N, C-alpha and C. Protein backbone atom coordinates (compact mmCIF):
# COMPACT_ATOMS: atom_id res chain seq x y z
N MET A 1 -130.90 18.45 61.54
CA MET A 1 -131.92 17.73 61.72
C MET A 1 -132.49 17.68 59.84
N ASN A 2 -132.32 16.94 59.10
CA ASN A 2 -132.95 16.77 57.92
C ASN A 2 -134.96 16.63 58.11
N ARG A 3 -135.56 16.44 57.41
CA ARG A 3 -136.91 17.07 57.13
C ARG A 3 -137.71 15.88 57.79
N ILE A 4 -137.16 14.68 57.29
CA ILE A 4 -137.54 12.98 57.56
C ILE A 4 -137.49 13.04 59.36
N GLU A 5 -136.07 13.63 59.78
CA GLU A 5 -135.97 13.49 61.78
C GLU A 5 -137.23 14.82 62.42
N LYS A 6 -137.13 15.64 61.36
CA LYS A 6 -138.12 17.24 61.65
C LYS A 6 -139.38 16.90 61.85
N LEU A 7 -140.13 16.17 60.90
CA LEU A 7 -141.44 15.15 60.61
C LEU A 7 -141.69 14.38 61.77
N MET A 8 -140.94 13.43 62.27
CA MET A 8 -140.73 12.29 63.32
C MET A 8 -141.03 13.09 64.64
N GLU A 9 -140.10 14.51 64.95
CA GLU A 9 -140.26 15.10 66.35
C GLU A 9 -141.49 15.55 66.36
N PHE A 10 -141.89 16.05 65.03
CA PHE A 10 -143.06 16.37 65.38
C PHE A 10 -144.39 15.72 65.32
N LEU A 11 -144.19 14.19 64.82
CA LEU A 11 -145.25 13.47 65.60
C LEU A 11 -145.06 12.76 66.77
N LYS A 12 -143.91 13.07 67.36
CA LYS A 12 -143.48 12.49 68.47
C LYS A 12 -144.91 13.50 69.72
N ASN A 13 -145.12 14.90 69.32
CA ASN A 13 -145.88 15.68 70.10
C ASN A 13 -147.43 15.29 69.61
N THR A 14 -147.92 14.85 68.23
CA THR A 14 -149.05 14.85 67.63
C THR A 14 -148.82 13.68 66.69
N PRO A 15 -148.97 12.69 67.35
CA PRO A 15 -148.74 11.18 67.35
C PRO A 15 -150.19 10.72 65.67
N GLU A 16 -150.93 11.48 65.95
CA GLU A 16 -152.66 11.09 64.79
C GLU A 16 -152.28 12.23 64.14
N ASP A 17 -151.87 12.98 64.00
CA ASP A 17 -151.69 13.90 62.70
C ASP A 17 -151.63 13.64 61.52
N SER A 18 -152.90 13.12 60.59
CA SER A 18 -152.54 12.95 59.55
C SER A 18 -151.61 13.54 58.46
N PHE A 19 -151.79 14.84 58.79
CA PHE A 19 -151.02 16.10 58.02
C PHE A 19 -149.57 15.73 57.88
N LEU A 20 -148.81 15.49 58.79
CA LEU A 20 -147.39 15.04 58.95
C LEU A 20 -147.23 13.38 58.75
N LYS A 21 -147.90 12.68 58.72
CA LYS A 21 -147.96 11.22 58.63
C LYS A 21 -147.96 10.94 57.04
N HIS A 22 -148.69 12.33 55.99
CA HIS A 22 -148.91 12.12 55.10
C HIS A 22 -147.49 12.77 54.24
N ALA A 23 -146.97 13.98 55.08
CA ALA A 23 -146.02 14.59 54.74
C ALA A 23 -144.45 14.18 55.01
N LEU A 24 -144.30 12.82 55.98
CA LEU A 24 -143.42 12.10 56.42
C LEU A 24 -143.12 10.90 55.20
N SER A 25 -144.19 10.65 55.00
CA SER A 25 -144.54 9.33 53.49
C SER A 25 -143.94 10.14 52.48
N LEU A 26 -144.47 11.10 51.75
CA LEU A 26 -143.82 11.75 50.87
C LEU A 26 -142.26 11.94 50.97
N GLU A 27 -142.10 12.12 52.17
CA GLU A 27 -140.32 12.65 52.27
C GLU A 27 -139.79 11.21 52.20
N TYR A 28 -140.08 10.07 52.50
CA TYR A 28 -139.39 8.67 52.35
C TYR A 28 -139.58 8.42 51.28
N ILE A 29 -141.03 8.97 49.81
CA ILE A 29 -140.61 8.91 49.01
C ILE A 29 -139.63 9.06 47.81
N LYS A 30 -138.94 10.33 48.37
CA LYS A 30 -138.01 11.08 47.91
C LYS A 30 -136.78 10.47 48.35
N VAL A 31 -136.77 9.68 49.38
CA VAL A 31 -135.08 9.01 49.44
C VAL A 31 -135.55 7.80 49.30
N GLY A 32 -136.63 7.10 48.46
CA GLY A 32 -136.34 6.10 47.90
C GLY A 32 -136.71 5.01 48.70
N ASP A 33 -137.18 5.13 50.03
CA ASP A 33 -138.01 4.29 50.79
C ASP A 33 -139.43 3.92 50.80
N ASP A 34 -139.66 3.34 49.57
CA ASP A 34 -140.97 3.12 49.41
C ASP A 34 -141.80 2.15 50.17
N VAL A 35 -141.38 1.50 50.95
CA VAL A 35 -141.62 0.42 51.97
C VAL A 35 -142.18 0.95 53.25
N ALA A 36 -141.40 2.13 54.14
CA ALA A 36 -141.71 2.99 54.33
C ALA A 36 -142.99 3.80 54.63
N ALA A 37 -142.86 4.34 53.10
CA ALA A 37 -143.58 5.12 52.90
C ALA A 37 -145.31 4.45 52.75
N ALA A 38 -145.10 2.81 51.88
CA ALA A 38 -146.55 2.72 51.87
C ALA A 38 -146.94 2.23 53.24
N GLY A 39 -145.94 1.73 54.12
CA GLY A 39 -146.37 1.42 55.54
C GLY A 39 -147.28 2.62 56.18
N LEU A 40 -146.60 3.93 56.73
CA LEU A 40 -146.98 5.11 56.99
C LEU A 40 -148.67 5.33 56.27
N PHE A 41 -148.30 5.47 54.62
CA PHE A 41 -149.74 5.65 54.24
C PHE A 41 -150.80 4.74 54.45
N ARG A 42 -150.69 3.12 54.82
CA ARG A 42 -151.65 2.01 55.61
C ARG A 42 -152.37 2.79 56.68
N GLU A 43 -150.80 3.06 57.60
CA GLU A 43 -151.19 3.34 58.73
C GLU A 43 -152.51 4.22 58.64
N LEU A 44 -152.05 5.32 58.39
CA LEU A 44 -152.62 6.61 57.94
C LEU A 44 -154.00 6.79 57.75
N LEU A 45 -154.62 6.03 56.46
CA LEU A 45 -155.53 5.53 55.88
C LEU A 45 -156.22 4.42 56.72
N ALA A 46 -155.76 3.99 57.51
CA ALA A 46 -156.54 3.19 58.47
C ALA A 46 -156.90 3.96 60.00
N LYS A 47 -156.71 4.91 59.91
CA LYS A 47 -157.07 5.55 61.38
C LYS A 47 -157.74 6.79 61.08
N ASP A 48 -157.23 7.38 59.61
CA ASP A 48 -157.83 8.56 58.66
C ASP A 48 -158.35 8.09 57.70
N PRO A 49 -159.59 7.90 57.09
CA PRO A 49 -159.90 7.13 55.74
C PRO A 49 -160.09 8.22 54.63
N GLY A 50 -160.51 9.12 55.51
CA GLY A 50 -161.00 10.42 54.98
C GLY A 50 -159.82 11.58 54.25
N TYR A 51 -158.54 10.84 54.54
CA TYR A 51 -157.41 11.46 54.09
C TYR A 51 -157.04 11.24 52.45
N VAL A 52 -158.15 11.69 51.77
CA VAL A 52 -158.31 11.39 50.45
C VAL A 52 -156.84 11.50 49.48
N GLY A 53 -156.17 12.51 49.72
CA GLY A 53 -154.62 12.53 49.07
C GLY A 53 -153.81 11.47 49.24
N SER A 54 -153.96 10.88 50.13
CA SER A 54 -153.09 9.58 50.43
C SER A 54 -153.12 8.29 49.70
N TYR A 55 -154.42 8.33 49.18
CA TYR A 55 -155.25 7.32 48.52
C TYR A 55 -154.17 7.29 46.85
N TYR A 56 -154.21 8.60 46.66
CA TYR A 56 -153.01 8.63 45.42
C TYR A 56 -151.85 7.97 45.68
N HIS A 57 -151.29 8.53 46.10
CA HIS A 57 -149.51 7.95 46.62
C HIS A 57 -149.34 6.69 46.41
N LEU A 58 -150.41 6.33 47.56
CA LEU A 58 -149.93 4.83 48.21
C LEU A 58 -150.56 4.06 46.42
N GLY A 59 -151.39 4.35 46.18
CA GLY A 59 -151.84 3.67 44.42
C GLY A 59 -150.45 3.72 43.77
N LYS A 60 -150.19 4.61 43.81
CA LYS A 60 -148.73 5.16 42.76
C LYS A 60 -147.50 3.99 43.33
N LEU A 61 -147.02 4.21 44.52
CA LEU A 61 -146.34 3.22 45.02
C LEU A 61 -146.83 1.80 44.97
N LEU A 62 -147.73 1.19 44.86
CA LEU A 62 -148.02 -0.17 44.67
C LEU A 62 -148.02 -0.31 43.15
N GLU A 63 -148.17 0.81 42.09
CA GLU A 63 -148.08 0.46 41.19
C GLU A 63 -146.84 0.37 40.92
N ARG A 64 -145.47 1.23 41.21
CA ARG A 64 -144.22 0.80 40.86
C ARG A 64 -143.64 -0.25 41.56
N SER A 65 -144.40 -0.83 42.57
CA SER A 65 -143.84 -2.39 43.30
C SER A 65 -144.74 -3.81 42.23
N GLY A 66 -145.68 -3.04 41.52
CA GLY A 66 -146.37 -4.20 40.62
C GLY A 66 -147.40 -4.83 41.23
N GLU A 67 -148.29 -4.17 42.11
CA GLU A 67 -149.00 -4.55 42.69
C GLU A 67 -150.37 -3.71 41.93
N THR A 68 -150.25 -4.24 41.35
CA THR A 68 -151.66 -3.86 40.61
C THR A 68 -152.82 -3.72 41.07
N ALA A 69 -153.12 -4.92 41.38
CA ALA A 69 -154.82 -5.08 41.76
C ALA A 69 -154.80 -4.42 42.80
N GLU A 70 -154.17 -4.47 43.88
CA GLU A 70 -153.91 -3.67 45.28
C GLU A 70 -154.29 -2.26 44.91
N ALA A 71 -153.36 -1.47 44.20
CA ALA A 71 -153.10 0.16 43.43
C ALA A 71 -154.91 -0.06 42.89
N ILE A 72 -155.09 -0.55 42.43
CA ILE A 72 -156.43 -0.33 41.45
C ILE A 72 -157.76 -0.56 42.49
N ALA A 73 -157.68 -1.44 44.01
CA ALA A 73 -158.66 -1.25 45.12
C ALA A 73 -157.78 -0.10 45.55
N VAL A 74 -157.34 0.58 45.89
CA VAL A 74 -156.83 1.73 46.55
C VAL A 74 -157.49 2.84 45.79
N TYR A 75 -157.33 3.18 44.43
CA TYR A 75 -157.91 3.92 43.93
C TYR A 75 -159.01 4.04 43.66
N GLU A 76 -160.00 2.57 43.49
CA GLU A 76 -161.62 2.43 43.40
C GLU A 76 -161.62 3.25 45.48
N LYS A 77 -161.24 2.79 46.13
CA LYS A 77 -161.54 3.05 47.84
C LYS A 77 -161.27 5.10 47.42
N GLY A 78 -160.45 5.26 46.90
CA GLY A 78 -159.91 7.13 47.18
C GLY A 78 -161.43 7.45 46.86
N MET A 79 -161.71 7.05 45.38
CA MET A 79 -163.05 7.48 44.23
C MET A 79 -163.68 7.26 44.98
N GLU A 80 -164.03 6.90 45.94
CA GLU A 80 -165.39 6.09 46.92
C GLU A 80 -165.46 7.71 48.17
N VAL A 81 -164.40 7.57 48.58
CA VAL A 81 -164.30 8.70 49.85
C VAL A 81 -164.22 10.19 49.26
N ALA A 82 -163.53 10.57 48.17
CA ALA A 82 -163.44 11.65 47.16
C ALA A 82 -165.27 12.05 47.05
N LYS A 83 -166.02 11.08 46.56
CA LYS A 83 -167.06 11.23 46.17
C LYS A 83 -168.36 11.58 47.32
N LYS A 84 -168.03 10.98 48.44
CA LYS A 84 -168.57 11.35 49.62
C LYS A 84 -168.45 12.69 49.61
N ASN A 85 -167.03 12.73 50.03
CA ASN A 85 -166.88 14.44 50.32
C ASN A 85 -167.60 15.25 49.36
N ASN A 86 -167.60 14.86 48.39
CA ASN A 86 -167.75 16.39 47.18
C ASN A 86 -166.86 16.80 46.15
N ASP A 87 -165.57 16.38 46.47
CA ASP A 87 -164.31 16.57 46.23
C ASP A 87 -163.54 16.11 44.13
N ARG A 88 -164.24 16.64 43.74
CA ARG A 88 -164.46 16.31 42.37
C ARG A 88 -162.66 16.14 42.01
N HIS A 89 -162.06 17.10 42.18
CA HIS A 89 -160.31 17.31 41.39
C HIS A 89 -160.04 15.85 42.03
N SER A 90 -159.77 15.60 43.56
CA SER A 90 -159.49 14.36 43.86
C SER A 90 -160.14 12.89 43.32
N TYR A 91 -161.31 13.10 43.16
CA TYR A 91 -161.83 11.81 42.32
C TYR A 91 -161.60 11.79 40.82
N THR A 92 -161.52 12.74 40.32
CA THR A 92 -160.87 12.48 38.70
C THR A 92 -159.40 12.16 38.96
N GLU A 93 -158.47 12.98 40.03
CA GLU A 93 -157.44 12.36 39.98
C GLU A 93 -157.33 10.85 39.77
N LEU A 94 -158.10 10.61 40.91
CA LEU A 94 -158.14 8.91 41.08
C LEU A 94 -157.87 8.18 40.04
N GLN A 95 -159.10 8.66 38.97
CA GLN A 95 -160.06 7.83 38.33
C GLN A 95 -158.81 7.62 37.15
N VAL A 96 -158.28 8.93 36.95
CA VAL A 96 -157.51 8.51 35.48
C VAL A 96 -156.27 7.94 36.16
N ALA A 97 -155.89 7.71 37.39
CA ALA A 97 -154.32 6.49 37.57
C ALA A 97 -154.99 5.58 37.43
N LYS A 98 -156.58 5.22 37.94
CA LYS A 98 -157.08 4.03 37.60
C LYS A 98 -157.17 3.48 36.49
N GLU A 99 -157.65 4.73 35.25
CA GLU A 99 -157.82 4.50 34.09
C GLU A 99 -156.60 3.76 33.27
N GLU A 100 -155.57 4.86 33.87
CA GLU A 100 -154.53 4.33 33.18
C GLU A 100 -154.03 3.17 33.49
N LEU A 101 -153.92 2.53 34.81
CA LEU A 101 -152.99 1.28 35.22
C LEU A 101 -153.85 0.17 34.71
N GLU A 102 -155.77 0.24 34.41
CA GLU A 102 -156.35 -0.81 33.96
C GLU A 102 -155.80 -0.60 31.84
N ASP A 103 -155.67 0.12 31.60
CA ASP A 103 -155.23 0.33 30.07
C ASP A 103 -153.86 -0.77 29.74
């Protein structure tokens, strides 16, 4: 059983587990399935908007697909969440990604 299959099996038992959804999204990225990854990141963030790490990865996926305005919006939302959670590291990471995209 590969990693994607294992994560999907775990998600059957705990379908709302944000960590597992995030991990599965990253595995989809590794195999080149950006559409599945983006969909899962969006689903995760809709249900758990405080899962700040997913904003960065979703933004990067949107950048790669040429969706610059949406990527910036995702970074900005992630920055809001990081600021609210006093997560300086994530805030800075998202800010840098946003600024690089705007240049």
